[in-house]
Amino acid sequence: MTGALIVNKPAGLTSHDVVARVRRICQERSVGHLGTLDPAATGVLPLLLGRLTRLAQFFQGREKEYQGAIRFGFATDTYDAAGSTVSETSSSLPEAAAIEAVLVRFRGSIQQTPPPFSAKKVNGVPAYKLARREQPVVLKPVQIEVRAFELLRFEGDRMEFRVVCSAGTYVRSLAHDLGQALGVGAHLAELERTRVGEFTLAQSHTLEELAAVAEAGTLAGALLPALQLLPEMPAVVAPPEAAARLLHGQAANLPEFSKAPRVRAFSPDGNLLAIGRRIAGTLFQPQIVLAG
């Protein structure tokens, strides 16, 4: 089976766990995800199946969108609810106006230090392994882009929020750093990813739903239409004779198409045949062949 699936990941499973389950449901060994979600997080986990896994490189760097909750009053070593408390405050908790005033500092292009319990490597060793051994973890700040960080609701010690950010952003660090800036400590209490690039929660399926449609023999209906993938790349439809050449990795003359660095070539019935580029006139050279 070849295609793209959007899974609504449940809490308690790693992204790798989801991949393993989808392999069994789809009876397809070649399955890969497009961006890890922490086990406690839920929401959009895009998967590529079959030959489409060859396109994973083109999905890197997609913008992410999340909704979640931050609790103020104490910080944890993992920056989320799963960790051990490392500091508590006896100070009064902030009011919504104070939070709004500080949120401004976390928007735009900012420097962020990843959490010590993360997959970032220190001298080749994942930081979380060092942290579990209670060894010092020194991670360098990285540049991230936060397009939106909004307070949606605030009650008691809990703030509900929405964030839109660049790939590589740790929302756990945003929660922790916000608490530090307010002087009260904070941690990420809940997190749901609602979008990865063009993939949204509305397009997603639970694992139970996928298992049910697989049992009914209608799993193909859960796959995203190929035309929805990589919309930033121009598209061209290859006539049957040209399509046959592309499937053998051979260049073919196509109807007038874009001079963009990468172009999607489709069959007349909408199957994604190849990713390639124009090399002369209307001659299309496939670089990655996807069907056949």
C-alpha atoms as a PDB file:
ATOM      1  CA  MET A   1       0.000   0.000   0.000  1.00  0.00           C
ATOM      2  CA  THR A   2       1.311   3.436  -0.961  1.00  0.00           C
ATOM      3  CA  GLY A   3      -0.051   6.718   0.348  1.00  0.00           C
ATOM      4  CA  ALA A   4      -0.238   9.187   3.230  1.00  0.00           C
ATOM      5  CA  LEU A   5      -2.284   8.746   6.411  1.00  0.00           C
ATOM      6  CA  ILE A   6      -2.924  11.265   9.154  1.00  0.00           C
ATOM      7  CA  VAL A   7      -3.246   9.554  12.532  1.00  0.00           C
ATOM      8  CA  ASN A   8      -4.782  11.216  15.580  1.00  0.00           C
ATOM      9  CA  LYS A   9      -2.214   9.921  18.062  1.00  0.00           C
ATOM     10  CA  PRO A  10      -3.588   9.006  21.479  1.00  0.00           C
ATOM     11  CA  ALA A  11      -1.807   9.833  24.723  1.00  0.00           C
ATOM     12  CA  GLY A  12       0.440   7.112  26.097  1.00  0.00           C
ATOM     13  CA  LEU A  13       1.890   5.874  22.808  1.00  0.00           C
ATOM     14  CA  THR A  14       5.206   6.883  21.298  1.00  0.00           C
ATOM     15  CA  SER A  15       5.300   7.899  17.649  1.00  0.00           C
ATOM     16  CA  HIS A  16       7.175   4.644  16.994  1.00  0.00           C
ATOM     17  CA  ASP A  17       4.345   2.690  18.675  1.00  0.00           C
ATOM     18  CA  VAL A  18       1.881   4.281  16.241  1.00  0.00           C
ATOM     19  CA  VAL A  19       4.075   3.390  13.263  1.00  0.00           C
ATOM     20  CA  ALA A  20       4.243  -0.232  14.459  1.00  0.00           C
ATOM     21  CA  ARG A  21       0.452  -0.448  14.808  1.00  0.00           C
ATOM     22  CA  VAL A  22      -0.157   1.083  11.380  1.00  0.00           C
ATOM     23  CA  ARG A  23       2.266  -1.433   9.853  1.00  0.00           C
ATOM     24  CA  ARG A  24       0.096  -4.224  11.235  1.00  0.00           C
ATOM     25  CA  ILE A  25      -3.209  -2.581  10.287  1.00  0.00           C
ATOM     26  CA  CYS A  26      -2.114  -1.789   6.728  1.00  0.00           C
ATOM     27  CA  GLN A  27       0.055  -4.891   6.309  1.00  0.00           C
ATOM     28  CA  GLU A  28       2.749  -2.578   4.961  1.00  0.00           C
ATOM     29  CA  ARG A  29       6.317  -2.787   6.281  1.00  0.00           C
ATOM     30  CA  SER A  30       7.452   0.541   4.864  1.00  0.00           C
ATOM     31  CA  VAL A  31       5.854   3.170   7.133  1.00  0.00           C
ATOM     32  CA  GLY A  32       7.442   6.321   8.532  1.00  0.00           C
ATOM     33  CA  HIS A  33       6.215   9.333  10.503  1.00  0.00           C
ATOM     34  CA  LEU A  34       6.888  12.986   9.724  1.00  0.00           C
ATOM     35  CA  GLY A  35       7.712  14.406  13.141  1.00  0.00           C
ATOM     36  CA  THR A  36       7.820  12.922  16.621  1.00  0.00           C
ATOM     37  CA  LEU A  37       5.154  13.646  19.217  1.00  0.00           C
ATOM     38  CA  ASP A  38       5.956  13.109  22.903  1.00  0.00           C
ATOM     39  CA  PRO A  39       4.133  10.086  24.387  1.00  0.00           C
ATOM     40  CA  ALA A  40       1.842  12.293  26.493  1.00  0.00           C
ATOM     41  CA  ALA A  41       0.874  14.473  23.519  1.00  0.00           C
ATOM     42  CA  THR A  42      -2.032  13.792  21.186  1.00  0.00           C
ATOM     43  CA  GLY A  43      -3.023  14.885  17.716  1.00  0.00           C
ATOM     44  CA  VAL A  44      -1.711  15.063  14.178  1.00  0.00           C
ATOM     45  CA  LEU A  45       0.921  12.468  13.277  1.00  0.00           C
ATOM     46  CA  PRO A  46       1.381  12.276   9.480  1.00  0.00           C
ATOM     47  CA  LEU A  47       2.583   8.924   8.124  1.00  0.00           C
ATOM     48  CA  LEU A  48       3.951   7.956   4.716  1.00  0.00           C
ATOM     49  CA  LEU A  49       3.392   4.404   3.463  1.00  0.00           C
ATOM     50  CA  GLY A  50       5.085   2.303   0.813  1.00  0.00           C
ATOM     51  CA  ARG A  51       6.938   4.090  -1.971  1.00  0.00           C
ATOM     52  CA  LEU A  52       5.783   7.440  -0.605  1.00  0.00           C
ATOM     53  CA  THR A  53       8.346   7.123   2.209  1.00  0.00           C
ATOM     54  CA  ARG A  54      10.865   8.199  -0.441  1.00  0.00           C
ATOM     55  CA  LEU A  55       9.384  11.687  -0.162  1.00  0.00           C
ATOM     56  CA  ALA A  56      10.013  12.152   3.577  1.00  0.00           C
ATOM     57  CA  GLN A  57      12.876  14.592   2.906  1.00  0.00           C
ATOM     58  CA  PHE A  58      10.482  17.047   1.249  1.00  0.00           C
ATOM     59  CA  PHE A  59       8.234  17.302   4.298  1.00  0.00           C
ATOM     60  CA  GLN A  60      10.982  18.427   6.688  1.00  0.00           C
ATOM     61  CA  GLY A  61      10.672  21.883   8.227  1.00  0.00           C
ATOM     62  CA  ARG A  62       6.869  22.067   8.127  1.00  0.00           C
ATOM     63  CA  GLU A  63       5.250  24.626  10.439  1.00  0.00           C
ATOM     64  CA  LYS A  64       3.431  23.131  13.450  1.00  0.00           C
ATOM     65  CA  GLU A  65       0.325  24.254  15.312  1.00  0.00           C
ATOM     66  CA  TYR A  66      -0.688  23.163  18.811  1.00  0.00           C
ATOM     67  CA  GLN A  67      -3.268  23.740  21.506  1.00  0.00           C
ATOM     68  CA  GLY A  68      -2.653  22.806  25.090  1.00  0.00           C
ATOM     69  CA  ALA A  69      -2.528  23.800  28.725  1.00  0.00           C
ATOM     70  CA  ILE A  70       0.196  25.142  31.011  1.00  0.00           C
ATOM     71  CA  ARG A  71       0.040  24.896  34.801  1.00  0.00           C
ATOM     72  CA  PHE A  72       1.711  27.574  36.887  1.00  0.00           C
ATOM     73  CA  GLY A  73       3.139  27.232  40.380  1.00  0.00           C
ATOM     74  CA  PHE A  74       5.732  24.503  39.978  1.00  0.00           C
ATOM     75  CA  ALA A  75       8.317  23.398  37.446  1.00  0.00           C
ATOM     76  CA  THR A  76       9.366  19.825  36.619  1.00  0.00           C
ATOM     77  CA  ASP A  77      12.603  18.284  35.387  1.00  0.00           C
ATOM     78  CA  THR A  78      10.992  17.135  32.127  1.00  0.00           C
ATOM     79  CA  TYR A  79       9.104  20.433  31.664  1.00  0.00           C
ATOM     80  CA  ASP A  80       5.818  18.482  31.514  1.00  0.00           C
ATOM     81  CA  ALA A  81       3.422  16.703  33.868  1.00  0.00           C
ATOM     82  CA  ALA A  82       5.337  13.413  33.674  1.00  0.00           C
ATOM     83  CA  GLY A  83       8.385  14.785  35.472  1.00  0.00           C
ATOM     84  CA  SER A  84       9.405  15.290  39.077  1.00  0.00           C
ATOM     85  CA  THR A  85       8.841  18.661  40.725  1.00  0.00           C
ATOM     86  CA  VAL A  86      12.068  20.683  40.903  1.00  0.00           C
ATOM     87  CA  SER A  87      10.707  23.990  42.193  1.00  0.00           C
ATOM     88  CA  GLU A  88       7.528  25.390  43.684  1.00  0.00           C
ATOM     89  CA  THR A  89       6.500  28.955  44.351  1.00  0.00           C
ATOM     90  CA  SER A  90       4.762  30.464  47.318  1.00  0.00           C
ATOM     91  CA  SER A  91       4.194  33.654  45.334  1.00  0.00           C
ATOM     92  CA  SER A  92       0.801  34.637  44.026  1.00  0.00           C
ATOM     93  CA  LEU A  93       0.030  33.169  40.640  1.00  0.00           C
ATOM     94  CA  PRO A  94       0.002  35.589  37.705  1.00  0.00           C
ATOM     95  CA  GLU A  95      -3.118  37.212  36.343  1.00  0.00           C
ATOM     96  CA  ALA A  96      -4.107  37.023  32.694  1.00  0.00           C
ATOM     97  CA  ALA A  97      -2.881  40.563  31.990  1.00  0.00           C
ATOM     98  CA  ALA A  98       0.592  39.738  33.322  1.00  0.00           C
ATOM     99  CA  ILE A  99       0.747  36.595  31.196  1.00  0.00           C
ATOM    100  CA  GLU A 100      -0.312  38.511  28.080  1.00  0.00           C
ATOM    101  CA  ALA A 101       2.419  41.080  28.699  1.00  0.00           C
ATOM    102  CA  VAL A 102       5.125  38.402  28.941  1.00  0.00           C
ATOM    103  CA  LEU A 103       3.884  36.311  26.003  1.00  0.00           C
ATOM    104  CA  VAL A 104       5.085  39.072  23.674  1.00  0.00           C
ATOM    105  CA  ARG A 105       8.685  38.036  24.465  1.00  0.00           C
ATOM    106  CA  PHE A 106       8.020  34.548  23.120  1.00  0.00           C
ATOM    107  CA  ARG A 107       6.768  35.593  19.695  1.00  0.00           C
ATOM    108  CA  GLY A 108       8.799  36.066  16.556  1.00  0.00           C
ATOM    109  CA  SER A 109      12.361  34.865  16.073  1.00  0.00           C
ATOM    110  CA  ILE A 110      13.722  33.775  19.461  1.00  0.00           C
ATOM    111  CA  GLN A 111      16.441  31.623  21.006  1.00  0.00           C
ATOM    112  CA  GLN A 112      15.260  28.471  22.781  1.00  0.00           C
ATOM    113  CA  THR A 113      17.169  25.896  24.821  1.00  0.00           C
ATOM    114  CA  PRO A 114      15.775  22.351  24.361  1.00  0.00           C
ATOM    115  CA  PRO A 115      14.652  20.451  27.488  1.00  0.00           C
ATOM    116  CA  PRO A 116      17.266  18.250  29.205  1.00  0.00           C
ATOM    117  CA  PHE A 117      14.882  15.315  28.708  1.00  0.00           C
ATOM    118  CA  SER A 118      14.948  15.430  24.901  1.00  0.00           C
ATOM    119  CA  ALA A 119      16.466  13.526  21.992  1.00  0.00           C
ATOM    120  CA  LYS A 120      18.981  16.306  21.319  1.00  0.00           C
ATOM    121  CA  LYS A 121      22.484  14.864  21.479  1.00  0.00           C
ATOM    122  CA  VAL A 122      25.386  15.898  23.688  1.00  0.00           C
ATOM    123  CA  ASN A 123      28.660  14.520  22.336  1.00  0.00           C
ATOM    124  CA  GLY A 124      26.695  11.860  20.471  1.00  0.00           C
ATOM    125  CA  VAL A 125      24.573  10.823  23.472  1.00  0.00           C
ATOM    126  CA  PRO A 126      20.838  11.671  23.645  1.00  0.00           C
ATOM    127  CA  ALA A 127      20.311  14.294  26.335  1.00  0.00           C
ATOM    128  CA  TYR A 128      17.536  12.302  28.033  1.00  0.00           C
ATOM    129  CA  LYS A 129      19.949   9.420  28.713  1.00  0.00           C
ATOM    130  CA  LEU A 130      22.334  11.778  30.507  1.00  0.00           C
ATOM    131  CA  ALA A 131      19.453  13.377  32.408  1.00  0.00           C
ATOM    132  CA  ARG A 132      18.194   9.971  33.572  1.00  0.00           C
ATOM    133  CA  ARG A 133      21.670   9.226  34.927  1.00  0.00           C
ATOM    134  CA  GLU A 134      21.561  12.611  36.692  1.00  0.00           C
ATOM    135  CA  GLN A 135      24.573  13.727  34.673  1.00  0.00           C
ATOM    136  CA  PRO A 136      24.961  17.380  33.629  1.00  0.00           C
ATOM    137  CA  VAL A 137      23.106  18.263  30.425  1.00  0.00           C
ATOM    138  CA  VAL A 138      24.295  21.383  28.619  1.00  0.00           C
ATOM    139  CA  LEU A 139      22.380  22.088  25.422  1.00  0.00           C
ATOM    140  CA  LYS A 140      22.982  25.021  23.120  1.00  0.00           C
ATOM    141  CA  PRO A 141      20.122  27.420  22.356  1.00  0.00           C
ATOM    142  CA  VAL A 142      18.672  27.206  18.856  1.00  0.00           C
ATOM    143  CA  GLN A 143      16.878  29.783  16.751  1.00  0.00           C
ATOM    144  CA  ILE A 144      13.141  29.145  16.377  1.00  0.00           C
ATOM    145  CA  GLU A 145      10.205  31.066  14.949  1.00  0.00           C
ATOM    146  CA  VAL A 146       7.002  31.456  16.957  1.00  0.00           C
ATOM    147  CA  ARG A 147       4.355  32.970  14.685  1.00  0.00           C
ATOM    148  CA  ALA A 148       1.640  32.871  17.348  1.00  0.00           C
ATOM    149  CA  PHE A 149       1.539  32.191  21.093  1.00  0.00           C
ATOM    150  CA  GLU A 150      -1.914  33.068  22.384  1.00  0.00           C
ATOM    151  CA  LEU A 151      -3.687  32.815  25.711  1.00  0.00           C
ATOM    152  CA  LEU A 152      -7.091  31.259  25.026  1.00  0.00           C
ATOM    153  CA  ARG A 153      -8.377  30.857  28.590  1.00  0.00           C
ATOM    154  CA  PHE A 154      -6.986  31.330  32.096  1.00  0.00           C
ATOM    155  CA  GLU A 155      -8.482  30.016  35.304  1.00  0.00           C
ATOM    156  CA  GLY A 156      -6.814  29.253  38.628  1.00  0.00           C
ATOM    157  CA  ASP A 157      -3.325  27.950  37.882  1.00  0.00           C
ATOM    158  CA  ARG A 158      -4.124  26.778  34.357  1.00  0.00           C
ATOM    159  CA  MET A 159      -3.631  28.577  31.053  1.00  0.00           C
ATOM    160  CA  GLU A 160      -5.015  27.200  27.805  1.00  0.00           C
ATOM    161  CA  PHE A 161      -3.046  28.320  24.770  1.00  0.00           C
ATOM    162  CA  ARG A 162      -2.517  28.091  21.025  1.00  0.00           C
ATOM    163  CA  VAL A 163       0.921  28.194  19.426  1.00  0.00           C
ATOM    164  CA  VAL A 164       2.089  28.223  15.806  1.00  0.00           C
ATOM    165  CA  CYS A 165       5.802  27.582  15.483  1.00  0.00           C
ATOM    166  CA  SER A 166       8.647  26.405  13.305  1.00  0.00           C
ATOM    167  CA  ALA A 167       9.882  22.830  13.172  1.00  0.00           C
ATOM    168  CA  GLY A 168      12.279  22.070  16.005  1.00  0.00           C
ATOM    169  CA  THR A 169      10.363  24.104  18.594  1.00  0.00           C
ATOM    170  CA  TYR A 170       9.857  22.445  21.975  1.00  0.00           C
ATOM    171  CA  VAL A 171       6.491  23.512  23.388  1.00  0.00           C
ATOM    172  CA  ARG A 172       7.627  22.084  26.734  1.00  0.00           C
ATOM    173  CA  SER A 173      10.414  24.665  26.750  1.00  0.00           C
ATOM    174  CA  LEU A 174       7.952  27.447  25.923  1.00  0.00           C
ATOM    175  CA  ALA A 175       5.893  26.432  28.972  1.00  0.00           C
ATOM    176  CA  HIS A 176       8.936  26.173  31.240  1.00  0.00           C
ATOM    177  CA  ASP A 177      10.468  29.433  30.043  1.00  0.00           C
ATOM    178  CA  LEU A 178       7.161  31.288  30.382  1.00  0.00           C
ATOM    179  CA  GLY A 179       6.992  30.212  34.016  1.00  0.00           C
ATOM    180  CA  GLN A 180      10.572  31.360  34.569  1.00  0.00           C
ATOM    181  CA  ALA A 181       9.821  34.741  33.007  1.00  0.00           C
ATOM    182  CA  LEU A 182       6.797  35.163  35.291  1.00  0.00           C
ATOM    183  CA  GLY A 183       8.792  34.060  38.341  1.00  0.00           C
ATOM    184  CA  VAL A 184       6.359  31.330  39.369  1.00  0.00           C
ATOM    185  CA  GLY A 185       7.512  28.186  37.575  1.00  0.00           C
ATOM    186  CA  ALA A 186       5.366  26.286  35.086  1.00  0.00           C
ATOM    187  CA  HIS A 187       5.123  23.068  33.135  1.00  0.00           C
ATOM    188  CA  LEU A 188       3.238  21.746  30.131  1.00  0.00           C
ATOM    189  CA  ALA A 189       0.101  19.983  31.371  1.00  0.00           C
ATOM    190  CA  GLU A 190      -1.517  18.973  28.065  1.00  0.00           C
ATOM    191  CA  LEU A 191      -0.618  19.172  24.385  1.00  0.00           C
ATOM    192  CA  GLU A 192      -2.502  18.453  21.182  1.00  0.00           C
ATOM    193  CA  ARG A 193      -0.935  18.986  17.774  1.00  0.00           C
ATOM    194  CA  THR A 194      -3.630  20.334  15.470  1.00  0.00           C
ATOM    195  CA  ARG A 195      -1.599  20.856  12.297  1.00  0.00           C
ATOM    196  CA  VAL A 196       1.666  19.880  10.604  1.00  0.00           C
ATOM    197  CA  GLY A 197       2.127  21.970   7.474  1.00  0.00           C
ATOM    198  CA  GLU A 198      -0.856  21.186   5.245  1.00  0.00           C
ATOM    199  CA  PHE A 199      -2.010  18.236   7.403  1.00  0.00           C
ATOM    200  CA  THR A 200      -4.810  18.988   9.878  1.00  0.00           C
ATOM    201  CA  LEU A 201      -6.676  17.292  12.699  1.00  0.00           C
ATOM    202  CA  ALA A 202      -9.831  17.261  10.549  1.00  0.00           C
ATOM    203  CA  GLN A 203      -8.050  14.874   8.148  1.00  0.00           C
ATOM    204  CA  SER A 204      -6.922  12.507  10.883  1.00  0.00           C
ATOM    205  CA  HIS A 205      -8.128   9.044  11.897  1.00  0.00           C
ATOM    206  CA  THR A 206      -7.811   7.232  15.200  1.00  0.00           C
ATOM    207  CA  LEU A 207      -6.071   3.859  15.255  1.00  0.00           C
ATOM    208  CA  GLU A 208      -9.427   2.261  16.038  1.00  0.00           C
ATOM    209  CA  GLU A 209     -10.998   3.880  12.968  1.00  0.00           C
ATOM    210  CA  LEU A 210      -8.147   2.667  10.768  1.00  0.00           C
ATOM    211  CA  ALA A 211      -8.464  -0.870  12.125  1.00  0.00           C
ATOM    212  CA  ALA A 212     -12.211  -0.808  11.417  1.00  0.00           C
ATOM    213  CA  VAL A 213     -11.883   0.368   7.801  1.00  0.00           C
ATOM    214  CA  ALA A 214      -9.077  -2.133   7.233  1.00  0.00           C
ATOM    215  CA  GLU A 215     -11.365  -4.899   8.485  1.00  0.00           C
ATOM    216  CA  ALA A 216     -14.076  -3.644   6.125  1.00  0.00           C
ATOM    217  CA  GLY A 217     -11.662  -3.567   3.198  1.00  0.00           C
ATOM    218  CA  THR A 218     -12.012   0.199   2.704  1.00  0.00           C
ATOM    219  CA  LEU A 219      -8.661   1.364   4.074  1.00  0.00           C
ATOM    220  CA  ALA A 220      -7.730   3.041   0.777  1.00  0.00           C
ATOM    221  CA  GLY A 221     -10.448   5.600   1.463  1.00  0.00           C
ATOM    222  CA  ALA A 222      -8.509   6.857   4.485  1.00  0.00           C
ATOM    223  CA  LEU A 223      -5.468   7.760   2.381  1.00  0.00           C
ATOM    224  CA  LEU A 224      -5.012  11.397   1.430  1.00  0.00           C
ATOM    225  CA  PRO A 225      -5.457  12.170  -2.276  1.00  0.00           C
ATOM    226  CA  ALA A 226      -2.034  12.443  -3.916  1.00  0.00           C
ATOM    227  CA  LEU A 227      -2.911  15.888  -5.292  1.00  0.00           C
ATOM    228  CA  GLN A 228      -3.014  17.227  -1.704  1.00  0.00           C
ATOM    229  CA  LEU A 229       0.609  16.279  -1.027  1.00  0.00           C
ATOM    230  CA  LEU A 230       3.457  18.786  -1.416  1.00  0.00           C
ATOM    231  CA  PRO A 231       1.219  21.600  -2.692  1.00  0.00           C
ATOM    232  CA  GLU A 232       4.209  23.950  -2.864  1.00  0.00           C
ATOM    233  CA  MET A 233       5.489  21.965  -5.854  1.00  0.00           C
ATOM    234  CA  PRO A 234       3.854  22.696  -9.236  1.00  0.00           C
ATOM    235  CA  ALA A 235       2.092  19.769 -10.913  1.00  0.00           C
ATOM    236  CA  VAL A 236       1.905  18.400 -14.440  1.00  0.00           C
ATOM    237  CA  VAL A 237      -0.154  15.538 -15.897  1.00  0.00           C
ATOM    238  CA  ALA A 238       1.817  13.038 -17.992  1.00  0.00           C
ATOM    239  CA  PRO A 239       0.040  11.478 -21.005  1.00  0.00           C
ATOM    240  CA  PRO A 240       0.034   7.637 -20.981  1.00  0.00           C
ATOM    241  CA  GLU A 241       3.126   7.156 -23.189  1.00  0.00           C
ATOM    242  CA  ALA A 242       5.138   9.711 -21.207  1.00  0.00           C
ATOM    243  CA  ALA A 243       3.924   8.189 -17.925  1.00  0.00           C
ATOM    244  CA  ALA A 244       5.287   4.797 -18.991  1.00  0.00           C
ATOM    245  CA  ARG A 245       8.718   6.355 -19.580  1.00  0.00           C
ATOM    246  CA  LEU A 246       8.680   8.117 -16.213  1.00  0.00           C
ATOM    247  CA  LEU A 247       7.899   4.860 -14.415  1.00  0.00           C
ATOM    248  CA  HIS A 248      11.138   3.453 -15.841  1.00  0.00           C
ATOM    249  CA  GLY A 249      13.090   6.481 -14.651  1.00  0.00           C
ATOM    250  CA  GLN A 250      13.412   7.854 -18.178  1.00  0.00           C
ATOM    251  CA  ALA A 251      13.013  11.488 -19.215  1.00  0.00           C
ATOM    252  CA  ALA A 252       9.851  12.319 -21.141  1.00  0.00           C
ATOM    253  CA  ASN A 253       8.358  15.280 -22.949  1.00  0.00           C
ATOM    254  CA  LEU A 254       5.331  16.594 -21.074  1.00  0.00           C
ATOM    255  CA  PRO A 255       2.800  19.354 -21.685  1.00  0.00           C
ATOM    256  CA  GLU A 256       4.089  22.827 -20.800  1.00  0.00           C
ATOM    257  CA  PHE A 257       5.032  22.858 -17.105  1.00  0.00           C
ATOM    258  CA  SER A 258       6.870  24.885 -14.467  1.00  0.00           C
ATOM    259  CA  LYS A 259      10.617  25.532 -14.397  1.00  0.00           C
ATOM    260  CA  ALA A 260      10.548  25.171 -10.603  1.00  0.00           C
ATOM    261  CA  PRO A 261      13.366  23.078  -9.044  1.00  0.00           C
ATOM    262  CA  ARG A 262      10.889  20.297  -8.226  1.00  0.00           C
ATOM    263  CA  VAL A 263       7.694  19.378 -10.053  1.00  0.00           C
ATOM    264  CA  ARG A 264       5.135  16.635  -9.351  1.00  0.00           C
ATOM    265  CA  ALA A 265       4.179  14.460 -12.312  1.00  0.00           C
ATOM    266  CA  PHE A 266       0.766  12.763 -12.151  1.00  0.00           C
ATOM    267  CA  SER A 267      -0.909  10.126 -14.278  1.00  0.00           C
ATOM    268  CA  PRO A 268      -4.217  11.074 -15.951  1.00  0.00           C
ATOM    269  CA  ASP A 269      -6.102   9.232 -13.174  1.00  0.00           C
ATOM    270  CA  GLY A 270      -4.399  11.237 -10.396  1.00  0.00           C
ATOM    271  CA  ASN A 271      -1.621   8.901  -9.233  1.00  0.00           C
ATOM    272  CA  LEU A 272       1.629  10.596  -8.255  1.00  0.00           C
ATOM    273  CA  LEU A 273       4.229   9.130 -10.607  1.00  0.00           C
ATOM    274  CA  ALA A 274       7.406  11.036  -9.874  1.00  0.00           C
ATOM    275  CA  ILE A 275       9.127  14.124  -8.551  1.00  0.00           C
ATOM    276  CA  GLY A 276      11.462  15.696 -11.075  1.00  0.00           C
ATOM    277  CA  ARG A 277      12.457  18.810 -12.988  1.00  0.00           C
ATOM    278  CA  ARG A 278      12.610  20.329 -16.439  1.00  0.00           C
ATOM    279  CA  ILE A 279      16.013  19.723 -18.065  1.00  0.00           C
ATOM    280  CA  ALA A 280      15.428  21.156 -21.557  1.00  0.00           C
ATOM    281  CA  GLY A 281      12.404  22.502 -23.377  1.00  0.00           C
ATOM    282  CA  THR A 282       9.512  20.462 -22.012  1.00  0.00           C
ATOM    283  CA  LEU A 283      11.683  17.452 -21.166  1.00  0.00           C
ATOM    284  CA  PHE A 284      10.967  16.203 -17.641  1.00  0.00           C
ATOM    285  CA  GLN A 285      13.638  14.211 -15.803  1.00  0.00           C
ATOM    286  CA  PRO A 286      12.268  12.104 -12.922  1.00  0.00           C
ATOM    287  CA  GLN A 287      14.420  12.226  -9.797  1.00  0.00           C
ATOM    288  CA  ILE A 288      12.231  10.089  -7.533  1.00  0.00           C
ATOM    289  CA  VAL A 289       9.875   7.523  -9.084  1.00  0.00           C
ATOM    290  CA  LEU A 290       6.860   6.673  -6.924  1.00  0.00           C
ATOM    291  CA  ALA A 291       4.556   4.416  -8.927  1.00  0.00           C
ATOM    292  CA  GLY A 292       4.986   1.299 -10.970  1.00  0.00           C
END
